[in-house]
Amino acid sequence: MKRINAKYVTASEAGDYYQVSFEEEWESLTNYFLIQWGFEFEDIVPDEPYIESDDLMFCGRPKFEKIEFNRNRFYLQLADEDKNELEINFDIPDKDYKEGKRILEIILSGYDFIKVD
């Protein structure tokens, strides 16, 4: 299981583009994870969220087995052969948590196995 202790949780929205990122160090390319959804190109409409990490196991548009998001934790299990897991722990202000929750609910709408508290 990959684990990240995120000091920064950032949610953003720009038109039809939504993203939540988790980082141990601000704008670092190590120990980070992001999940996004949006129109990256005018003629392509992605039907699944895109994920990115410093670990190639958690990059691209994989199938998800389970996702949980609560006040201090984000958990992801992939529906791949190995059931790869990612756990992110964080302690952020209520305002940032509420915005992250709102954006994740948009990104993950349509999935019936998602638990967002």
N, C-alpha and C. Protein backbone atom coordinates (compact mmCIF):
# COMPACT_ATOMS: atom_id res chain seq x y z
N MET A 1 0.84 -1.18 0.00
CA MET A 1 0.00 0.00 0.00
C MET A 1 0.88 1.24 0.00
N LYS A 2 0.56 2.16 -0.89
CA LYS A 2 1.26 3.45 -0.91
C LYS A 2 0.59 4.36 0.11
N ARG A 3 1.40 5.07 0.89
CA ARG A 3 0.87 5.98 1.91
C ARG A 3 1.47 7.37 1.72
N ILE A 4 0.63 8.36 1.90
CA ILE A 4 1.06 9.76 1.83
C ILE A 4 0.50 10.47 3.06
N ASN A 5 1.33 11.26 3.71
CA ASN A 5 0.87 12.14 4.78
C ASN A 5 0.86 13.55 4.21
N ALA A 6 -0.30 13.96 3.73
CA ALA A 6 -0.41 15.22 2.99
C ALA A 6 -0.50 16.42 3.93
N LYS A 7 0.35 17.38 3.69
CA LYS A 7 0.26 18.66 4.39
C LYS A 7 -0.65 19.62 3.63
N TYR A 8 -0.82 19.34 2.35
CA TYR A 8 -1.61 20.23 1.48
C TYR A 8 -2.66 19.43 0.74
N VAL A 9 -3.90 19.88 0.85
CA VAL A 9 -5.01 19.32 0.08
C VAL A 9 -5.66 20.50 -0.62
N THR A 10 -5.63 20.47 -1.95
CA THR A 10 -6.10 21.59 -2.74
C THR A 10 -7.19 21.13 -3.69
N ALA A 11 -8.31 21.83 -3.67
CA ALA A 11 -9.41 21.55 -4.60
C ALA A 11 -9.54 22.74 -5.54
N SER A 12 -9.73 22.44 -6.83
CA SER A 12 -9.88 23.54 -7.78
C SER A 12 -10.94 23.21 -8.81
N GLU A 13 -11.51 24.28 -9.34
CA GLU A 13 -12.56 24.18 -10.35
C GLU A 13 -12.37 25.32 -11.32
N ALA A 14 -12.38 25.00 -12.60
CA ALA A 14 -12.26 26.02 -13.65
C ALA A 14 -13.14 25.58 -14.81
N GLY A 15 -14.31 26.16 -14.93
CA GLY A 15 -15.23 25.74 -15.98
C GLY A 15 -15.65 24.31 -15.79
N ASP A 16 -15.35 23.46 -16.78
CA ASP A 16 -15.67 22.04 -16.71
C ASP A 16 -14.47 21.20 -16.28
N TYR A 17 -13.60 21.76 -15.50
CA TYR A 17 -12.40 21.07 -15.04
C TYR A 17 -12.39 21.06 -13.51
N TYR A 18 -12.20 19.88 -12.92
CA TYR A 18 -12.22 19.73 -11.47
C TYR A 18 -11.01 18.91 -11.04
N GLN A 19 -10.39 19.30 -9.92
CA GLN A 19 -9.21 18.58 -9.46
C GLN A 19 -9.09 18.68 -7.95
N VAL A 20 -8.65 17.59 -7.33
CA VAL A 20 -8.25 17.59 -5.93
C VAL A 20 -6.86 17.00 -5.88
N SER A 21 -5.95 17.70 -5.22
CA SER A 21 -4.57 17.20 -5.11
C SER A 21 -4.18 17.09 -3.64
N PHE A 22 -3.31 16.13 -3.39
CA PHE A 22 -2.80 15.85 -2.05
C PHE A 22 -1.27 15.85 -2.16
N GLU A 23 -0.61 16.65 -1.32
CA GLU A 23 0.85 16.77 -1.43
C GLU A 23 1.50 16.80 -0.06
N GLU A 24 2.63 16.10 0.07
CA GLU A 24 3.40 16.20 1.31
C GLU A 24 4.16 17.51 1.36
N GLU A 25 4.68 17.94 0.24
CA GLU A 25 5.40 19.21 0.13
C GLU A 25 4.75 20.03 -0.99
N TRP A 26 4.67 21.32 -0.81
CA TRP A 26 3.99 22.20 -1.76
C TRP A 26 4.62 22.10 -3.14
N GLU A 27 3.79 21.77 -4.14
CA GLU A 27 4.18 21.69 -5.55
C GLU A 27 5.41 20.82 -5.78
N SER A 28 5.49 19.72 -5.06
CA SER A 28 6.59 18.78 -5.21
C SER A 28 6.18 17.66 -6.16
N LEU A 29 7.13 17.06 -6.80
CA LEU A 29 6.85 15.92 -7.68
C LEU A 29 7.10 14.59 -6.98
N THR A 30 7.22 14.61 -5.66
CA THR A 30 7.35 13.39 -4.89
C THR A 30 6.25 13.36 -3.84
N ASN A 31 5.77 12.16 -3.55
CA ASN A 31 4.72 11.96 -2.55
C ASN A 31 3.51 12.87 -2.77
N TYR A 32 2.93 12.72 -3.95
CA TYR A 32 1.72 13.48 -4.27
C TYR A 32 0.74 12.57 -5.00
N PHE A 33 -0.51 13.00 -5.02
CA PHE A 33 -1.56 12.31 -5.74
C PHE A 33 -2.60 13.35 -6.14
N LEU A 34 -3.14 13.21 -7.34
CA LEU A 34 -4.25 14.07 -7.73
C LEU A 34 -5.27 13.27 -8.50
N ILE A 35 -6.50 13.71 -8.40
CA ILE A 35 -7.59 13.12 -9.16
C ILE A 35 -8.32 14.27 -9.83
N GLN A 36 -8.62 14.09 -11.12
CA GLN A 36 -9.24 15.19 -11.87
C GLN A 36 -10.22 14.66 -12.89
N TRP A 37 -11.08 15.53 -13.31
CA TRP A 37 -12.03 15.25 -14.37
C TRP A 37 -12.28 16.53 -15.12
N GLY A 38 -12.36 16.44 -16.44
CA GLY A 38 -12.65 17.63 -17.22
C GLY A 38 -12.42 17.41 -18.70
N PHE A 39 -12.76 18.43 -19.44
CA PHE A 39 -12.57 18.42 -20.88
C PHE A 39 -11.16 18.90 -21.17
N GLU A 40 -10.24 17.96 -21.37
CA GLU A 40 -8.86 18.33 -21.63
C GLU A 40 -8.67 18.77 -23.08
N PHE A 41 -9.46 18.20 -23.96
CA PHE A 41 -9.42 18.56 -25.37
C PHE A 41 -10.85 18.72 -25.84
N GLU A 42 -11.10 19.63 -26.77
CA GLU A 42 -12.46 19.92 -27.22
C GLU A 42 -13.17 18.71 -27.81
N ASP A 43 -12.46 17.84 -28.50
CA ASP A 43 -13.12 16.72 -29.17
C ASP A 43 -13.11 15.42 -28.38
N ILE A 44 -12.60 15.46 -27.13
CA ILE A 44 -12.57 14.26 -26.29
C ILE A 44 -13.32 14.55 -25.00
N VAL A 45 -14.24 13.68 -24.65
CA VAL A 45 -14.97 13.82 -23.39
C VAL A 45 -14.62 12.60 -22.53
N PRO A 46 -13.71 12.75 -21.59
CA PRO A 46 -13.35 11.60 -20.76
C PRO A 46 -14.54 11.17 -19.90
N ASP A 47 -14.76 9.87 -19.84
CA ASP A 47 -15.88 9.38 -19.06
C ASP A 47 -15.46 8.88 -17.69
N GLU A 48 -14.18 8.90 -17.41
CA GLU A 48 -13.67 8.46 -16.13
C GLU A 48 -12.66 9.47 -15.61
N PRO A 49 -12.53 9.58 -14.29
CA PRO A 49 -11.53 10.50 -13.73
C PRO A 49 -10.12 10.06 -14.11
N TYR A 50 -9.25 11.02 -14.15
CA TYR A 50 -7.83 10.79 -14.40
C TYR A 50 -7.10 10.92 -13.07
N ILE A 51 -6.17 10.01 -12.78
CA ILE A 51 -5.37 10.13 -11.57
C ILE A 51 -3.90 10.24 -11.95
N GLU A 52 -3.15 10.89 -11.06
CA GLU A 52 -1.72 11.07 -11.29
C GLU A 52 -1.01 11.03 -9.95
N SER A 53 0.19 10.44 -9.96
CA SER A 53 0.98 10.31 -8.74
C SER A 53 2.44 10.18 -9.12
N ASP A 54 3.29 10.28 -8.13
CA ASP A 54 4.71 10.00 -8.36
C ASP A 54 4.94 8.50 -8.51
N ASP A 55 3.93 7.69 -8.20
CA ASP A 55 3.98 6.24 -8.37
C ASP A 55 3.18 5.88 -9.62
N LEU A 56 3.82 5.32 -10.62
CA LEU A 56 3.15 5.02 -11.89
C LEU A 56 1.96 4.07 -11.74
N MET A 57 1.90 3.33 -10.65
CA MET A 57 0.77 2.45 -10.39
C MET A 57 -0.54 3.25 -10.28
N PHE A 58 -0.41 4.49 -9.87
CA PHE A 58 -1.58 5.34 -9.67
C PHE A 58 -1.58 6.50 -10.66
N CYS A 59 -1.51 6.15 -11.93
CA CYS A 59 -1.56 7.14 -13.01
C CYS A 59 -2.48 6.63 -14.11
N GLY A 60 -3.17 7.54 -14.75
CA GLY A 60 -4.02 7.18 -15.88
C GLY A 60 -5.50 7.17 -15.52
N ARG A 61 -6.25 6.32 -16.22
CA ARG A 61 -7.69 6.19 -16.02
C ARG A 61 -8.04 4.74 -15.64
N PRO A 62 -7.59 4.31 -14.46
CA PRO A 62 -7.85 2.93 -14.06
C PRO A 62 -9.30 2.74 -13.59
N LYS A 63 -9.67 1.50 -13.44
CA LYS A 63 -10.96 1.17 -12.82
C LYS A 63 -10.76 1.18 -11.31
N PHE A 64 -11.77 1.67 -10.61
CA PHE A 64 -11.71 1.75 -9.16
C PHE A 64 -12.54 0.63 -8.53
N GLU A 65 -12.02 0.07 -7.46
CA GLU A 65 -12.75 -0.92 -6.66
C GLU A 65 -13.46 -0.23 -5.50
N LYS A 66 -12.75 0.72 -4.87
CA LYS A 66 -13.29 1.37 -3.68
C LYS A 66 -12.62 2.72 -3.50
N ILE A 67 -13.41 3.72 -3.09
CA ILE A 67 -12.87 5.03 -2.74
C ILE A 67 -13.60 5.52 -1.50
N GLU A 68 -12.83 6.03 -0.55
CA GLU A 68 -13.39 6.62 0.65
C GLU A 68 -12.74 7.97 0.89
N PHE A 69 -13.52 8.92 1.34
CA PHE A 69 -13.00 10.24 1.69
C PHE A 69 -13.73 10.70 2.93
N ASN A 70 -12.97 10.97 3.99
CA ASN A 70 -13.60 11.53 5.18
C ASN A 70 -12.73 12.66 5.73
N ARG A 71 -13.01 13.09 6.90
CA ARG A 71 -12.41 14.30 7.45
C ARG A 71 -10.88 14.28 7.47
N ASN A 72 -10.27 13.11 7.60
CA ASN A 72 -8.81 13.05 7.71
C ASN A 72 -8.15 12.00 6.82
N ARG A 73 -8.93 11.44 5.87
CA ARG A 73 -8.35 10.33 5.11
C ARG A 73 -9.00 10.19 3.74
N PHE A 74 -8.15 9.91 2.74
CA PHE A 74 -8.59 9.53 1.41
C PHE A 74 -8.03 8.14 1.16
N TYR A 75 -8.88 7.22 0.73
CA TYR A 75 -8.46 5.84 0.48
C TYR A 75 -8.94 5.43 -0.91
N LEU A 76 -8.07 4.77 -1.64
CA LEU A 76 -8.38 4.32 -2.99
C LEU A 76 -7.88 2.90 -3.17
N GLN A 77 -8.75 2.04 -3.71
CA GLN A 77 -8.34 0.70 -4.08
C GLN A 77 -8.67 0.52 -5.55
N LEU A 78 -7.68 0.11 -6.32
CA LEU A 78 -7.88 -0.11 -7.75
C LEU A 78 -8.50 -1.47 -8.00
N ALA A 79 -9.21 -1.59 -9.10
CA ALA A 79 -9.84 -2.85 -9.49
C ALA A 79 -8.90 -3.63 -10.41
N ASP A 80 -7.61 -3.54 -10.15
CA ASP A 80 -6.63 -4.28 -10.94
C ASP A 80 -6.38 -5.64 -10.30
N GLU A 81 -5.56 -6.42 -10.93
CA GLU A 81 -5.28 -7.78 -10.47
C GLU A 81 -4.73 -7.80 -9.03
N ASP A 82 -3.90 -6.82 -8.69
CA ASP A 82 -3.26 -6.79 -7.37
C ASP A 82 -4.06 -6.02 -6.32
N LYS A 83 -5.17 -5.41 -6.72
CA LYS A 83 -5.98 -4.59 -5.80
C LYS A 83 -5.11 -3.54 -5.10
N ASN A 84 -4.29 -2.83 -5.88
CA ASN A 84 -3.38 -1.83 -5.33
C ASN A 84 -4.14 -0.77 -4.55
N GLU A 85 -3.53 -0.35 -3.43
CA GLU A 85 -4.17 0.57 -2.52
C GLU A 85 -3.32 1.82 -2.30
N LEU A 86 -4.03 2.92 -2.05
CA LEU A 86 -3.41 4.19 -1.72
C LEU A 86 -4.15 4.76 -0.52
N GLU A 87 -3.40 5.19 0.49
CA GLU A 87 -4.01 5.83 1.66
C GLU A 87 -3.33 7.16 1.89
N ILE A 88 -4.13 8.20 2.00
CA ILE A 88 -3.61 9.54 2.24
C ILE A 88 -4.23 10.05 3.53
N ASN A 89 -3.39 10.43 4.47
CA ASN A 89 -3.85 11.03 5.73
C ASN A 89 -3.54 12.51 5.70
N PHE A 90 -4.41 13.31 6.29
CA PHE A 90 -4.23 14.76 6.28
C PHE A 90 -4.98 15.38 7.45
N ASP A 91 -4.61 16.59 7.80
CA ASP A 91 -5.28 17.38 8.82
C ASP A 91 -5.36 18.80 8.27
N ILE A 92 -6.53 19.15 7.77
CA ILE A 92 -6.71 20.44 7.09
C ILE A 92 -7.87 21.20 7.71
N PRO A 93 -7.94 22.51 7.49
CA PRO A 93 -9.06 23.30 8.01
C PRO A 93 -10.40 22.85 7.42
N ASP A 94 -11.48 23.06 8.17
CA ASP A 94 -12.82 22.66 7.73
C ASP A 94 -13.17 23.22 6.35
N LYS A 95 -12.81 24.47 6.10
CA LYS A 95 -13.12 25.10 4.82
C LYS A 95 -12.49 24.32 3.65
N ASP A 96 -11.24 23.93 3.81
CA ASP A 96 -10.54 23.17 2.76
C ASP A 96 -11.14 21.78 2.60
N TYR A 97 -11.51 21.15 3.74
CA TYR A 97 -12.14 19.83 3.67
C TYR A 97 -13.48 19.90 2.92
N LYS A 98 -14.29 20.88 3.24
CA LYS A 98 -15.61 21.00 2.60
C LYS A 98 -15.48 21.24 1.10
N GLU A 99 -14.50 22.03 0.70
CA GLU A 99 -14.30 22.28 -0.73
C GLU A 99 -13.77 21.02 -1.42
N GLY A 100 -12.85 20.31 -0.79
CA GLY A 100 -12.36 19.06 -1.34
C GLY A 100 -13.48 18.03 -1.49
N LYS A 101 -14.32 17.95 -0.50
CA LYS A 101 -15.46 17.03 -0.54
C LYS A 101 -16.41 17.40 -1.68
N ARG A 102 -16.71 18.67 -1.83
CA ARG A 102 -17.61 19.13 -2.90
C ARG A 102 -17.06 18.76 -4.27
N ILE A 103 -15.78 19.02 -4.49
CA ILE A 103 -15.17 18.73 -5.79
C ILE A 103 -15.08 17.22 -6.03
N LEU A 104 -14.71 16.45 -5.01
CA LEU A 104 -14.66 14.98 -5.18
C LEU A 104 -16.03 14.41 -5.51
N GLU A 105 -17.09 14.95 -4.92
CA GLU A 105 -18.43 14.47 -5.23
C GLU A 105 -18.77 14.72 -6.69
N ILE A 106 -18.29 15.82 -7.26
CA ILE A 106 -18.50 16.10 -8.68
C ILE A 106 -17.68 15.11 -9.52
N ILE A 107 -16.39 14.98 -9.21
CA ILE A 107 -15.51 14.11 -9.97
C ILE A 107 -16.00 12.67 -9.96
N LEU A 108 -16.49 12.22 -8.82
CA LEU A 108 -16.85 10.81 -8.65
C LEU A 108 -18.35 10.54 -8.77
N SER A 109 -19.10 11.50 -9.26
CA SER A 109 -20.54 11.27 -9.42
C SER A 109 -20.75 10.13 -10.42
N GLY A 110 -21.73 9.30 -10.14
CA GLY A 110 -22.01 8.18 -11.02
C GLY A 110 -21.43 6.86 -10.53
N TYR A 111 -20.52 6.91 -9.57
CA TYR A 111 -19.98 5.70 -8.98
C TYR A 111 -20.80 5.36 -7.75
N ASP A 112 -21.26 4.12 -7.65
CA ASP A 112 -22.12 3.74 -6.53
C ASP A 112 -21.36 3.12 -5.37
N PHE A 113 -20.06 2.95 -5.47
CA PHE A 113 -19.27 2.34 -4.40
C PHE A 113 -18.43 3.36 -3.66
N ILE A 114 -18.64 4.62 -3.91
CA ILE A 114 -17.87 5.69 -3.30
C ILE A 114 -18.48 6.06 -1.96
N LYS A 115 -17.61 6.26 -0.97
CA LYS A 115 -18.10 6.71 0.33
C LYS A 115 -17.42 8.04 0.65
N VAL A 116 -18.21 9.12 0.62
CA VAL A 116 -17.71 10.45 0.95
C VAL A 116 -18.50 10.94 2.13
N ASP A 117 -17.80 11.11 3.27
CA ASP A 117 -18.45 11.57 4.50
C ASP A 117 -18.13 13.03 4.76
